[in-house]
Amino acid sequence: MIAFDLVNEHSFKGVKQWLDSIYKHCDLNIPKVLIGNKCDLVDGRVVSEGEGRKIAEENSMQYYETSAKENYNVENVVNYLMNEVYEKKFKEKLENAR
């Protein structure tokens, strides 16, 4: 999970550094998801949904906007990521073990 603050441009700019680190140090097939948090703070927003989606698409990731405070979309992100981990990392191993 790579999360950034929708009301903090510096936080959003850090996404590219996190992605660079993942590409440098991790398996390229690692499940990833980009999360723009604090979507409940509409008036303070400095990162648009389009900007978040663009980076996600460029890196073959799903994009979710969440609010941890309001518990908005948090469960959807966790479910998506757990499904991706299962599909990419465990499903084949479990089937081969049978």
PDB file of N, CA and C in Angstrom:
ATOM      1  N   MET A   1       0.841  -1.172   0.000  1.00  0.00           N
ATOM      2  CA  MET A   1       0.000   0.000   0.000  1.00  0.00           C
ATOM      3  C   MET A   1       0.886   1.234   0.000  1.00  0.00           C
ATOM      4  N   ILE A   2       0.624   2.111  -0.909  1.00  0.00           N
ATOM      5  CA  ILE A   2       1.287   3.405  -0.924  1.00  0.00           C
ATOM      6  C   ILE A   2       0.188   4.430  -0.689  1.00  0.00           C
ATOM      7  N   ALA A   3       0.297   5.132   0.416  1.00  0.00           N
ATOM      8  CA  ALA A   3      -0.738   6.101   0.775  1.00  0.00           C
ATOM      9  C   ALA A   3      -0.156   7.501   0.806  1.00  0.00           C
ATOM     10  N   PHE A   4      -0.975   8.448   0.391  1.00  0.00           N
ATOM     11  CA  PHE A   4      -0.591   9.854   0.478  1.00  0.00           C
ATOM     12  C   PHE A   4      -1.786  10.648   0.978  1.00  0.00           C
ATOM     13  N   ASP A   5      -1.506  11.862   1.401  1.00  0.00           N
ATOM     14  CA  ASP A   5      -2.488  12.757   1.993  1.00  0.00           C
ATOM     15  C   ASP A   5      -3.028  13.682   0.896  1.00  0.00           C
ATOM     16  N   LEU A   6      -4.316  13.624   0.638  1.00  0.00           N
ATOM     17  CA  LEU A   6      -4.927  14.450  -0.412  1.00  0.00           C
ATOM     18  C   LEU A   6      -4.870  15.943  -0.126  1.00  0.00           C
ATOM     19  N   VAL A   7      -4.560  16.323   1.105  1.00  0.00           N
ATOM     20  CA  VAL A   7      -4.486  17.743   1.456  1.00  0.00           C
ATOM     21  C   VAL A   7      -3.032  18.196   1.657  1.00  0.00           C
ATOM     22  N   ASN A   8      -2.073  17.382   1.190  1.00  0.00           N
ATOM     23  CA  ASN A   8      -0.661  17.692   1.383  1.00  0.00           C
ATOM     24  C   ASN A   8       0.104  17.355   0.105  1.00  0.00           C
ATOM     25  N   GLU A   9       0.446  18.362  -0.670  1.00  0.00           N
ATOM     26  CA  GLU A   9       1.124  18.157  -1.949  1.00  0.00           C
ATOM     27  C   GLU A   9       2.477  17.467  -1.776  1.00  0.00           C
ATOM     28  N   HIS A  10       3.201  17.803  -0.701  1.00  0.00           N
ATOM     29  CA  HIS A  10       4.502  17.175  -0.442  1.00  0.00           C
ATOM     30  C   HIS A  10       4.334  15.659  -0.266  1.00  0.00           C
ATOM     31  N   SER A  11       3.282  15.245   0.404  1.00  0.00           N
ATOM     32  CA  SER A  11       2.979  13.831   0.588  1.00  0.00           C
ATOM     33  C   SER A  11       2.764  13.151  -0.763  1.00  0.00           C
ATOM     34  N   PHE A  12       2.029  13.798  -1.649  1.00  0.00           N
ATOM     35  CA  PHE A  12       1.769  13.252  -2.977  1.00  0.00           C
ATOM     36  C   PHE A  12       3.052  13.124  -3.785  1.00  0.00           C
ATOM     37  N   LYS A  13       3.924  14.104  -3.698  1.00  0.00           N
ATOM     38  CA  LYS A  13       5.188  14.046  -4.435  1.00  0.00           C
ATOM     39  C   LYS A  13       6.075  12.897  -3.958  1.00  0.00           C
ATOM     40  N   GLY A  14       5.886  12.447  -2.727  1.00  0.00           N
ATOM     41  CA  GLY A  14       6.648  11.331  -2.193  1.00  0.00           C
ATOM     42  C   GLY A  14       6.270   9.983  -2.807  1.00  0.00           C
ATOM     43  N   VAL A  15       5.130   9.914  -3.471  1.00  0.00           N
ATOM     44  CA  VAL A  15       4.675   8.660  -4.074  1.00  0.00           C
ATOM     45  C   VAL A  15       5.713   8.139  -5.064  1.00  0.00           C
ATOM     46  N   LYS A  16       6.260   9.009  -5.872  1.00  0.00           N
ATOM     47  CA  LYS A  16       7.242   8.574  -6.877  1.00  0.00           C
ATOM     48  C   LYS A  16       8.478   7.979  -6.205  1.00  0.00           C
ATOM     49  N   GLN A  17       8.902   8.546  -5.087  1.00  0.00           N
ATOM     50  CA  GLN A  17      10.050   7.993  -4.367  1.00  0.00           C
ATOM     51  C   GLN A  17       9.739   6.608  -3.811  1.00  0.00           C
ATOM     52  N   TRP A  18       8.543   6.428  -3.265  1.00  0.00           N
ATOM     53  CA  TRP A  18       8.147   5.118  -2.754  1.00  0.00           C
ATOM     54  C   TRP A  18       8.099   4.099  -3.882  1.00  0.00           C
ATOM     55  N   LEU A  19       7.551   4.479  -5.014  1.00  0.00           N
ATOM     56  CA  LEU A  19       7.494   3.570  -6.157  1.00  0.00           C
ATOM     57  C   LEU A  19       8.897   3.212  -6.642  1.00  0.00           C
ATOM     58  N   ASP A  20       9.778   4.195  -6.729  1.00  0.00           N
ATOM     59  CA  ASP A  20      11.163   3.923  -7.140  1.00  0.00           C
ATOM     60  C   ASP A  20      11.810   2.912  -6.197  1.00  0.00           C
ATOM     61  N   SER A  21      11.562   3.062  -4.916  1.00  0.00           N
ATOM     62  CA  SER A  21      12.124   2.145  -3.924  1.00  0.00           C
ATOM     63  C   SER A  21      11.557   0.732  -4.105  1.00  0.00           C
ATOM     64  N   ILE A  22      10.274   0.640  -4.362  1.00  0.00           N
ATOM     65  CA  ILE A  22       9.661  -0.671  -4.599  1.00  0.00           C
ATOM     66  C   ILE A  22      10.277  -1.320  -5.825  1.00  0.00           C
ATOM     67  N   TYR A  23      10.404  -0.563  -6.914  1.00  0.00           N
ATOM     68  CA  TYR A  23      10.951  -1.128  -8.145  1.00  0.00           C
ATOM     69  C   TYR A  23      12.418  -1.523  -7.991  1.00  0.00           C
ATOM     70  N   LYS A  24      13.113  -0.855  -7.127  1.00  0.00           N
ATOM     71  CA  LYS A  24      14.527  -1.146  -6.910  1.00  0.00           C
ATOM     72  C   LYS A  24      14.734  -2.354  -5.993  1.00  0.00           C
ATOM     73  N   HIS A  25      13.887  -2.516  -4.978  1.00  0.00           N
ATOM     74  CA  HIS A  25      14.147  -3.502  -3.931  1.00  0.00           C
ATOM     75  C   HIS A  25      13.168  -4.673  -3.856  1.00  0.00           C
ATOM     76  N   CYS A  26      12.093  -4.663  -4.633  1.00  0.00           N
ATOM     77  CA  CYS A  26      11.060  -5.694  -4.480  1.00  0.00           C
ATOM     78  C   CYS A  26      10.837  -6.457  -5.781  1.00  0.00           C
ATOM     79  N   ASP A  27      10.151  -7.568  -5.652  1.00  0.00           N
ATOM     80  CA  ASP A  27       9.683  -8.336  -6.794  1.00  0.00           C
ATOM     81  C   ASP A  27       8.760  -7.425  -7.614  1.00  0.00           C
ATOM     82  N   LEU A  28       8.976  -7.354  -8.907  1.00  0.00           N
ATOM     83  CA  LEU A  28       8.175  -6.449  -9.739  1.00  0.00           C
ATOM     84  C   LEU A  28       6.693  -6.840  -9.804  1.00  0.00           C
ATOM     85  N   ASN A  29       6.392  -8.069  -9.454  1.00  0.00           N
ATOM     86  CA  ASN A  29       5.002  -8.525  -9.475  1.00  0.00           C
ATOM     87  C   ASN A  29       4.299  -8.354  -8.137  1.00  0.00           C
ATOM     88  N   ILE A  30       4.912  -7.653  -7.219  1.00  0.00           N
ATOM     89  CA  ILE A  30       4.306  -7.446  -5.901  1.00  0.00           C
ATOM     90  C   ILE A  30       2.980  -6.686  -6.064  1.00  0.00           C
ATOM     91  N   PRO A  31       1.947  -7.150  -5.399  1.00  0.00           N
ATOM     92  CA  PRO A  31       0.678  -6.409  -5.468  1.00  0.00           C
ATOM     93  C   PRO A  31       0.835  -5.004  -4.863  1.00  0.00           C
ATOM     94  N   LYS A  32       0.299  -4.014  -5.574  1.00  0.00           N
ATOM     95  CA  LYS A  32       0.407  -2.622  -5.133  1.00  0.00           C
ATOM     96  C   LYS A  32      -0.951  -1.945  -5.278  1.00  0.00           C
ATOM     97  N   VAL A  33      -1.180  -0.973  -4.415  1.00  0.00           N
ATOM     98  CA  VAL A  33      -2.380  -0.153  -4.516  1.00  0.00           C
ATOM     99  C   VAL A  33      -2.005   1.259  -4.057  1.00  0.00           C
ATOM    100  N   LEU A  34      -2.529   2.256  -4.739  1.00  0.00           N
ATOM    101  CA  LEU A  34      -2.283   3.651  -4.377  1.00  0.00           C
ATOM    102  C   LEU A  34      -3.526   4.191  -3.672  1.00  0.00           C
ATOM    103  N   ILE A  35      -3.286   4.839  -2.531  1.00  0.00           N
ATOM    104  CA  ILE A  35      -4.386   5.335  -1.710  1.00  0.00           C
ATOM    105  C   ILE A  35      -4.231   6.829  -1.471  1.00  0.00           C
ATOM    106  N   GLY A  36      -5.238   7.589  -1.839  1.00  0.00           N
ATOM    107  CA  GLY A  36      -5.321   8.997  -1.488  1.00  0.00           C
ATOM    108  C   GLY A  36      -6.210   9.118  -0.264  1.00  0.00           C
ATOM    109  N   ASN A  37      -5.640   9.447   0.869  1.00  0.00           N
ATOM    110  CA  ASN A  37      -6.394   9.493   2.125  1.00  0.00           C
ATOM    111  C   ASN A  37      -6.846  10.919   2.456  1.00  0.00           C
ATOM    112  N   LYS A  38      -7.805  11.005   3.322  1.00  0.00           N
ATOM    113  CA  LYS A  38      -8.433  12.247   3.795  1.00  0.00           C
ATOM    114  C   LYS A  38      -9.381  12.849   2.761  1.00  0.00           C
ATOM    115  N   CYS A  39     -10.088  11.992   2.034  1.00  0.00           N
ATOM    116  CA  CYS A  39     -11.033  12.501   1.037  1.00  0.00           C
ATOM    117  C   CYS A  39     -12.211  13.213   1.686  1.00  0.00           C
ATOM    118  N   ASP A  40     -12.333  13.078   3.006  1.00  0.00           N
ATOM    119  CA  ASP A  40     -13.396  13.793   3.726  1.00  0.00           C
ATOM    120  C   ASP A  40     -13.089  15.283   3.861  1.00  0.00           C
ATOM    121  N   LEU A  41     -11.847  15.676   3.669  1.00  0.00           N
ATOM    122  CA  LEU A  41     -11.454  17.087   3.801  1.00  0.00           C
ATOM    123  C   LEU A  41     -11.521  17.782   2.446  1.00  0.00           C
ATOM    124  N   VAL A  42     -12.713  17.882   1.914  1.00  0.00           N
ATOM    125  CA  VAL A  42     -12.953  18.402   0.565  1.00  0.00           C
ATOM    126  C   VAL A  42     -12.385  19.815   0.383  1.00  0.00           C
ATOM    127  N   ASP A  43     -12.571  20.680   1.362  1.00  0.00           N
ATOM    128  CA  ASP A  43     -12.142  22.077   1.229  1.00  0.00           C
ATOM    129  C   ASP A  43     -10.626  22.245   1.201  1.00  0.00           C
ATOM    130  N   GLY A  44      -9.894  21.333   1.815  1.00  0.00           N
ATOM    131  CA  GLY A  44      -8.443  21.459   1.871  1.00  0.00           C
ATOM    132  C   GLY A  44      -7.701  20.674   0.813  1.00  0.00           C
ATOM    133  N   ARG A  45      -8.422  20.020  -0.046  1.00  0.00           N
ATOM    134  CA  ARG A  45      -7.831  19.134  -1.044  1.00  0.00           C
ATOM    135  C   ARG A  45      -6.903  19.881  -1.995  1.00  0.00           C
ATOM    136  N   VAL A  46      -5.694  19.323  -2.217  1.00  0.00           N
ATOM    137  CA  VAL A  46      -4.748  19.908  -3.167  1.00  0.00           C
ATOM    138  C   VAL A  46      -4.357  18.931  -4.270  1.00  0.00           C
ATOM    139  N   VAL A  47      -4.738  17.670  -4.124  1.00  0.00           N
ATOM    140  CA  VAL A  47      -4.449  16.650  -5.139  1.00  0.00           C
ATOM    141  C   VAL A  47      -5.788  16.165  -5.702  1.00  0.00           C
ATOM    142  N   SER A  48      -5.951  16.269  -7.017  1.00  0.00           N
ATOM    143  CA  SER A  48      -7.210  15.852  -7.635  1.00  0.00           C
ATOM    144  C   SER A  48      -7.256  14.335  -7.806  1.00  0.00           C
ATOM    145  N   GLU A  49      -8.463  13.837  -7.958  1.00  0.00           N
ATOM    146  CA  GLU A  49      -8.630  12.412  -8.213  1.00  0.00           C
ATOM    147  C   GLU A  49      -7.914  12.018  -9.499  1.00  0.00           C
ATOM    148  N   GLY A  50      -7.977  12.878 -10.487  1.00  0.00           N
ATOM    149  CA  GLY A  50      -7.313  12.612 -11.764  1.00  0.00           C
ATOM    150  C   GLY A  50      -5.801  12.460 -11.621  1.00  0.00           C
ATOM    151  N   GLU A  51      -5.194  13.290 -10.777  1.00  0.00           N
ATOM    152  CA  GLU A  51      -3.746  13.181 -10.547  1.00  0.00           C
ATOM    153  C   GLU A  51      -3.390  11.841  -9.905  1.00  0.00           C
ATOM    154  N   GLY A  52      -4.188  11.427  -8.942  1.00  0.00           N
ATOM    155  CA  GLY A  52      -3.954  10.141  -8.296  1.00  0.00           C
ATOM    156  C   GLY A  52      -4.131   8.987  -9.269  1.00  0.00           C
ATOM    157  N   ARG A  53      -5.210   9.032 -10.030  1.00  0.00           N
ATOM    158  CA  ARG A  53      -5.477   7.974 -11.006  1.00  0.00           C
ATOM    159  C   ARG A  53      -4.379   7.898 -12.065  1.00  0.00           C
ATOM    160  N   LYS A  54      -3.860   9.019 -12.473  1.00  0.00           N
ATOM    161  CA  LYS A  54      -2.817   9.038 -13.507  1.00  0.00           C
ATOM    162  C   LYS A  54      -1.580   8.275 -13.033  1.00  0.00           C
ATOM    163  N   ILE A  55      -1.108   8.569 -11.831  1.00  0.00           N
ATOM    164  CA  ILE A  55       0.082   7.870 -11.311  1.00  0.00           C
ATOM    165  C   ILE A  55      -0.218   6.385 -11.151  1.00  0.00           C
ATOM    166  N   ALA A  56      -1.414   6.062 -10.668  1.00  0.00           N
ATOM    167  CA  ALA A  56      -1.788   4.655 -10.504  1.00  0.00           C
ATOM    168  C   ALA A  56      -1.776   3.935 -11.854  1.00  0.00           C
ATOM    169  N   GLU A  57      -2.379   4.529 -12.855  1.00  0.00           N
ATOM    170  CA  GLU A  57      -2.420   3.915 -14.183  1.00  0.00           C
ATOM    171  C   GLU A  57      -1.022   3.752 -14.762  1.00  0.00           C
ATOM    172  N   GLU A  58      -0.179   4.757 -14.605  1.00  0.00           N
ATOM    173  CA  GLU A  58       1.197   4.679 -15.113  1.00  0.00           C
ATOM    174  C   GLU A  58       1.988   3.542 -14.466  1.00  0.00           C
ATOM    175  N   ASN A  59       1.562   3.113 -13.299  1.00  0.00           N
ATOM    176  CA  ASN A  59       2.273   2.073 -12.562  1.00  0.00           C
ATOM    177  C   ASN A  59       1.446   0.798 -12.401  1.00  0.00           C
ATOM    178  N   SER A  60       0.420   0.657 -13.224  1.00  0.00           N
ATOM    179  CA  SER A  60      -0.435  -0.541 -13.235  1.00  0.00           C
ATOM    180  C   SER A  60      -0.965  -0.886 -11.846  1.00  0.00           C
ATOM    181  N   MET A  61      -1.494   0.136 -11.191  1.00  0.00           N
ATOM    182  CA  MET A  61      -2.028  -0.026  -9.843  1.00  0.00           C
ATOM    183  C   MET A  61      -3.483   0.406  -9.810  1.00  0.00           C
ATOM    184  N   GLN A  62      -4.224  -0.112  -8.842  1.00  0.00           N
ATOM    185  CA  GLN A  62      -5.560   0.397  -8.569  1.00  0.00           C
ATOM    186  C   GLN A  62      -5.410   1.654  -7.714  1.00  0.00           C
ATOM    187  N   TYR A  63      -6.381   2.533  -7.828  1.00  0.00           N
ATOM    188  CA  TYR A  63      -6.371   3.766  -7.042  1.00  0.00           C
ATOM    189  C   TYR A  63      -7.661   3.859  -6.246  1.00  0.00           C
ATOM    190  N   TYR A  64      -7.510   4.151  -4.965  1.00  0.00           N
ATOM    191  CA  TYR A  64      -8.659   4.342  -4.083  1.00  0.00           C
ATOM    192  C   TYR A  64      -8.497   5.652  -3.328  1.00  0.00           C
ATOM    193  N   GLU A  65      -9.597   6.339  -3.124  1.00  0.00           N
ATOM    194  CA  GLU A  65      -9.612   7.477  -2.221  1.00  0.00           C
ATOM    195  C   GLU A  65     -10.331   7.031  -0.964  1.00  0.00           C
ATOM    196  N   THR A  66      -9.724   7.331   0.177  1.00  0.00           N
ATOM    197  CA  THR A  66     -10.240   6.860   1.453  1.00  0.00           C
ATOM    198  C   THR A  66     -10.326   7.990   2.463  1.00  0.00           C
ATOM    199  N   SER A  67     -11.051   7.686   3.517  1.00  0.00           N
ATOM    200  CA  SER A  67     -11.040   8.528   4.707  1.00  0.00           C
ATOM    201  C   SER A  67     -10.922   7.582   5.896  1.00  0.00           C
ATOM    202  N   ALA A  68      -9.770   7.561   6.528  1.00  0.00           N
ATOM    203  CA  ALA A  68      -9.598   6.726   7.712  1.00  0.00           C
ATOM    204  C   ALA A  68     -10.512   7.231   8.834  1.00  0.00           C
ATOM    205  N   LYS A  69     -10.664   8.531   8.915  1.00  0.00           N
ATOM    206  CA  LYS A  69     -11.509   9.128   9.951  1.00  0.00           C
ATOM    207  C   LYS A  69     -12.964   8.685   9.814  1.00  0.00           C
ATOM    208  N   GLU A  70     -13.471   8.693   8.595  1.00  0.00           N
ATOM    209  CA  GLU A  70     -14.862   8.335   8.338  1.00  0.00           C
ATOM    210  C   GLU A  70     -15.023   6.849   7.985  1.00  0.00           C
ATOM    211  N   ASN A  71     -13.924   6.125   7.959  1.00  0.00           N
ATOM    212  CA  ASN A  71     -13.909   4.707   7.569  1.00  0.00           C
ATOM    213  C   ASN A  71     -14.536   4.521   6.186  1.00  0.00           C
ATOM    214  N   TYR A  72     -14.208   5.410   5.275  1.00  0.00           N
ATOM    215  CA  TYR A  72     -14.728   5.369   3.912  1.00  0.00           C
ATOM    216  C   TYR A  72     -13.732   4.655   3.006  1.00  0.00           C
ATOM    217  N   ASN A  73     -14.152   3.604   2.364  1.00  0.00           N
ATOM    218  CA  ASN A  73     -13.405   2.856   1.367  1.00  0.00           C
ATOM    219  C   ASN A  73     -12.225   2.054   1.945  1.00  0.00           C
ATOM    220  N   VAL A  74     -12.022   2.090   3.244  1.00  0.00           N
ATOM    221  CA  VAL A  74     -10.890   1.388   3.859  1.00  0.00           C
ATOM    222  C   VAL A  74     -11.038  -0.121   3.665  1.00  0.00           C
ATOM    223  N   GLU A  75     -12.201  -0.642   3.952  1.00  0.00           N
ATOM    224  CA  GLU A  75     -12.426  -2.084   3.804  1.00  0.00           C
ATOM    225  C   GLU A  75     -12.268  -2.522   2.351  1.00  0.00           C
ATOM    226  N   ASN A  76     -12.707  -1.694   1.414  1.00  0.00           N
ATOM    227  CA  ASN A  76     -12.561  -2.026  -0.006  1.00  0.00           C
ATOM    228  C   ASN A  76     -11.094  -2.148  -0.398  1.00  0.00           C
ATOM    229  N   VAL A  77     -10.258  -1.264   0.106  1.00  0.00           N
ATOM    230  CA  VAL A  77      -8.824  -1.311  -0.191  1.00  0.00           C
ATOM    231  C   VAL A  77      -8.220  -2.601   0.360  1.00  0.00           C
ATOM    232  N   VAL A  78      -8.513  -2.904   1.603  1.00  0.00           N
ATOM    233  CA  VAL A  78      -7.961  -4.107   2.235  1.00  0.00           C
ATOM    234  C   VAL A  78      -8.426  -5.352   1.482  1.00  0.00           C
ATOM    235  N   ASN A  79      -9.695  -5.425   1.146  1.00  0.00           N
ATOM    236  CA  ASN A  79     -10.212  -6.581   0.402  1.00  0.00           C
ATOM    237  C   ASN A  79      -9.550  -6.719  -0.956  1.00  0.00           C
ATOM    238  N   TYR A  80      -9.402  -5.602  -1.657  1.00  0.00           N
ATOM    239  CA  TYR A  80      -8.741  -5.642  -2.967  1.00  0.00           C
ATOM    240  C   TYR A  80      -7.311  -6.163  -2.837  1.00  0.00           C
ATOM    241  N   LEU A  81      -6.574  -5.613  -1.895  1.00  0.00           N
ATOM    242  CA  LEU A  81      -5.177  -5.987  -1.746  1.00  0.00           C
ATOM    243  C   LEU A  81      -5.032  -7.446  -1.309  1.00  0.00           C
ATOM    244  N   MET A  82      -5.861  -7.886  -0.403  1.00  0.00           N
ATOM    245  CA  MET A  82      -5.801  -9.287   0.033  1.00  0.00           C
ATOM    246  C   MET A  82      -6.115 -10.232  -1.130  1.00  0.00           C
ATOM    247  N   ASN A  83      -7.072  -9.858  -1.951  1.00  0.00           N
ATOM    248  CA  ASN A  83      -7.391 -10.670  -3.123  1.00  0.00           C
ATOM    249  C   ASN A  83      -6.214 -10.718  -4.091  1.00  0.00           C
ATOM    250  N   GLU A  84      -5.569  -9.587  -4.294  1.00  0.00           N
ATOM    251  CA  GLU A  84      -4.404  -9.538  -5.183  1.00  0.00           C
ATOM    252  C   GLU A  84      -3.264 -10.400  -4.649  1.00  0.00           C
ATOM    253  N   VAL A  85      -3.013 -10.340  -3.368  1.00  0.00           N
ATOM    254  CA  VAL A  85      -1.959 -11.156  -2.761  1.00  0.00           C
ATOM    255  C   VAL A  85      -2.294 -12.631  -2.960  1.00  0.00           C
ATOM    256  N   TYR A  86      -3.523 -12.993  -2.707  1.00  0.00           N
ATOM    257  CA  TYR A  86      -3.945 -14.382  -2.891  1.00  0.00           C
ATOM    258  C   TYR A  86      -3.747 -14.814  -4.340  1.00  0.00           C
ATOM    259  N   GLU A  87      -4.264 -14.033  -5.276  1.00  0.00           N
ATOM    260  CA  GLU A  87      -4.190 -14.394  -6.695  1.00  0.00           C
ATOM    261  C   GLU A  87      -2.750 -14.475  -7.207  1.00  0.00           C
ATOM    262  N   LYS A  88      -1.913 -13.532  -6.824  1.00  0.00           N
ATOM    263  CA  LYS A  88      -0.554 -13.466  -7.366  1.00  0.00           C
ATOM    264  C   LYS A  88       0.460 -14.306  -6.604  1.00  0.00           C
ATOM    265  N   LYS A  89       0.223 -14.545  -5.342  1.00  0.00           N
ATOM    266  CA  LYS A  89       1.260 -15.187  -4.538  1.00  0.00           C
ATOM    267  C   LYS A  89       0.899 -16.566  -4.012  1.00  0.00           C
ATOM    268  N   PHE A  90      -0.366 -16.823  -3.726  1.00  0.00           N
ATOM    269  CA  PHE A  90      -0.702 -18.048  -3.023  1.00  0.00           C
ATOM    270  C   PHE A  90      -1.560 -19.038  -3.807  1.00  0.00           C
ATOM    271  N   LYS A  91      -2.395 -18.567  -4.682  1.00  0.00           N
ATOM    272  CA  LYS A  91      -3.349 -19.438  -5.360  1.00  0.00           C
ATOM    273  C   LYS A  91      -2.656 -20.602  -6.062  1.00  0.00           C
ATOM    274  N   GLU A  92      -1.674 -20.318  -6.883  1.00  0.00           N
ATOM    275  CA  GLU A  92      -0.970 -21.368  -7.620  1.00  0.00           C
ATOM    276  C   GLU A  92      -0.272 -22.348  -6.673  1.00  0.00           C
ATOM    277  N   LYS A  93       0.366 -21.834  -5.630  1.00  0.00           N
ATOM    278  CA  LYS A  93       1.048 -22.702  -4.668  1.00  0.00           C
ATOM    279  C   LYS A  93       0.059 -23.633  -3.974  1.00  0.00           C
ATOM    280  N   LEU A  94      -1.099 -23.113  -3.605  1.00  0.00           N
ATOM    281  CA  LEU A  94      -2.110 -23.936  -2.937  1.00  0.00           C
ATOM    282  C   LEU A  94      -2.658 -25.005  -3.880  1.00  0.00           C
ATOM    283  N   GLU A  95      -2.891 -24.651  -5.131  1.00  0.00           N
ATOM    284  CA  GLU A  95      -3.405 -25.612  -6.097  1.00  0.00           C
ATOM    285  C   GLU A  95      -2.379 -26.692  -6.396  1.00  0.00           C
ATOM    286  N   ASN A  96      -1.109 -26.322  -6.487  1.00  0.00           N
ATOM    287  CA  ASN A  96      -0.042 -27.294  -6.753  1.00  0.00           C
ATOM    288  C   ASN A  96       0.190 -28.222  -5.578  1.00  0.00           C
ATOM    289  N   ALA A  97      -0.133 -27.782  -4.379  1.00  0.00           N
ATOM    290  CA  ALA A  97       0.068 -28.590  -3.185  1.00  0.00           C
ATOM    291  C   ALA A  97      -0.986 -29.696  -3.047  1.00  0.00           C
ATOM    292  N   ARG A  98      -2.050 -29.594  -3.795  1.00  0.00           N
ATOM    293  CA  ARG A  98      -3.150 -30.578  -3.689  1.00  0.00           C
ATOM    294  C   ARG A  98      -2.821 -31.855  -4.389  1.00  0.00           C
TER     295      ARG A  98
END
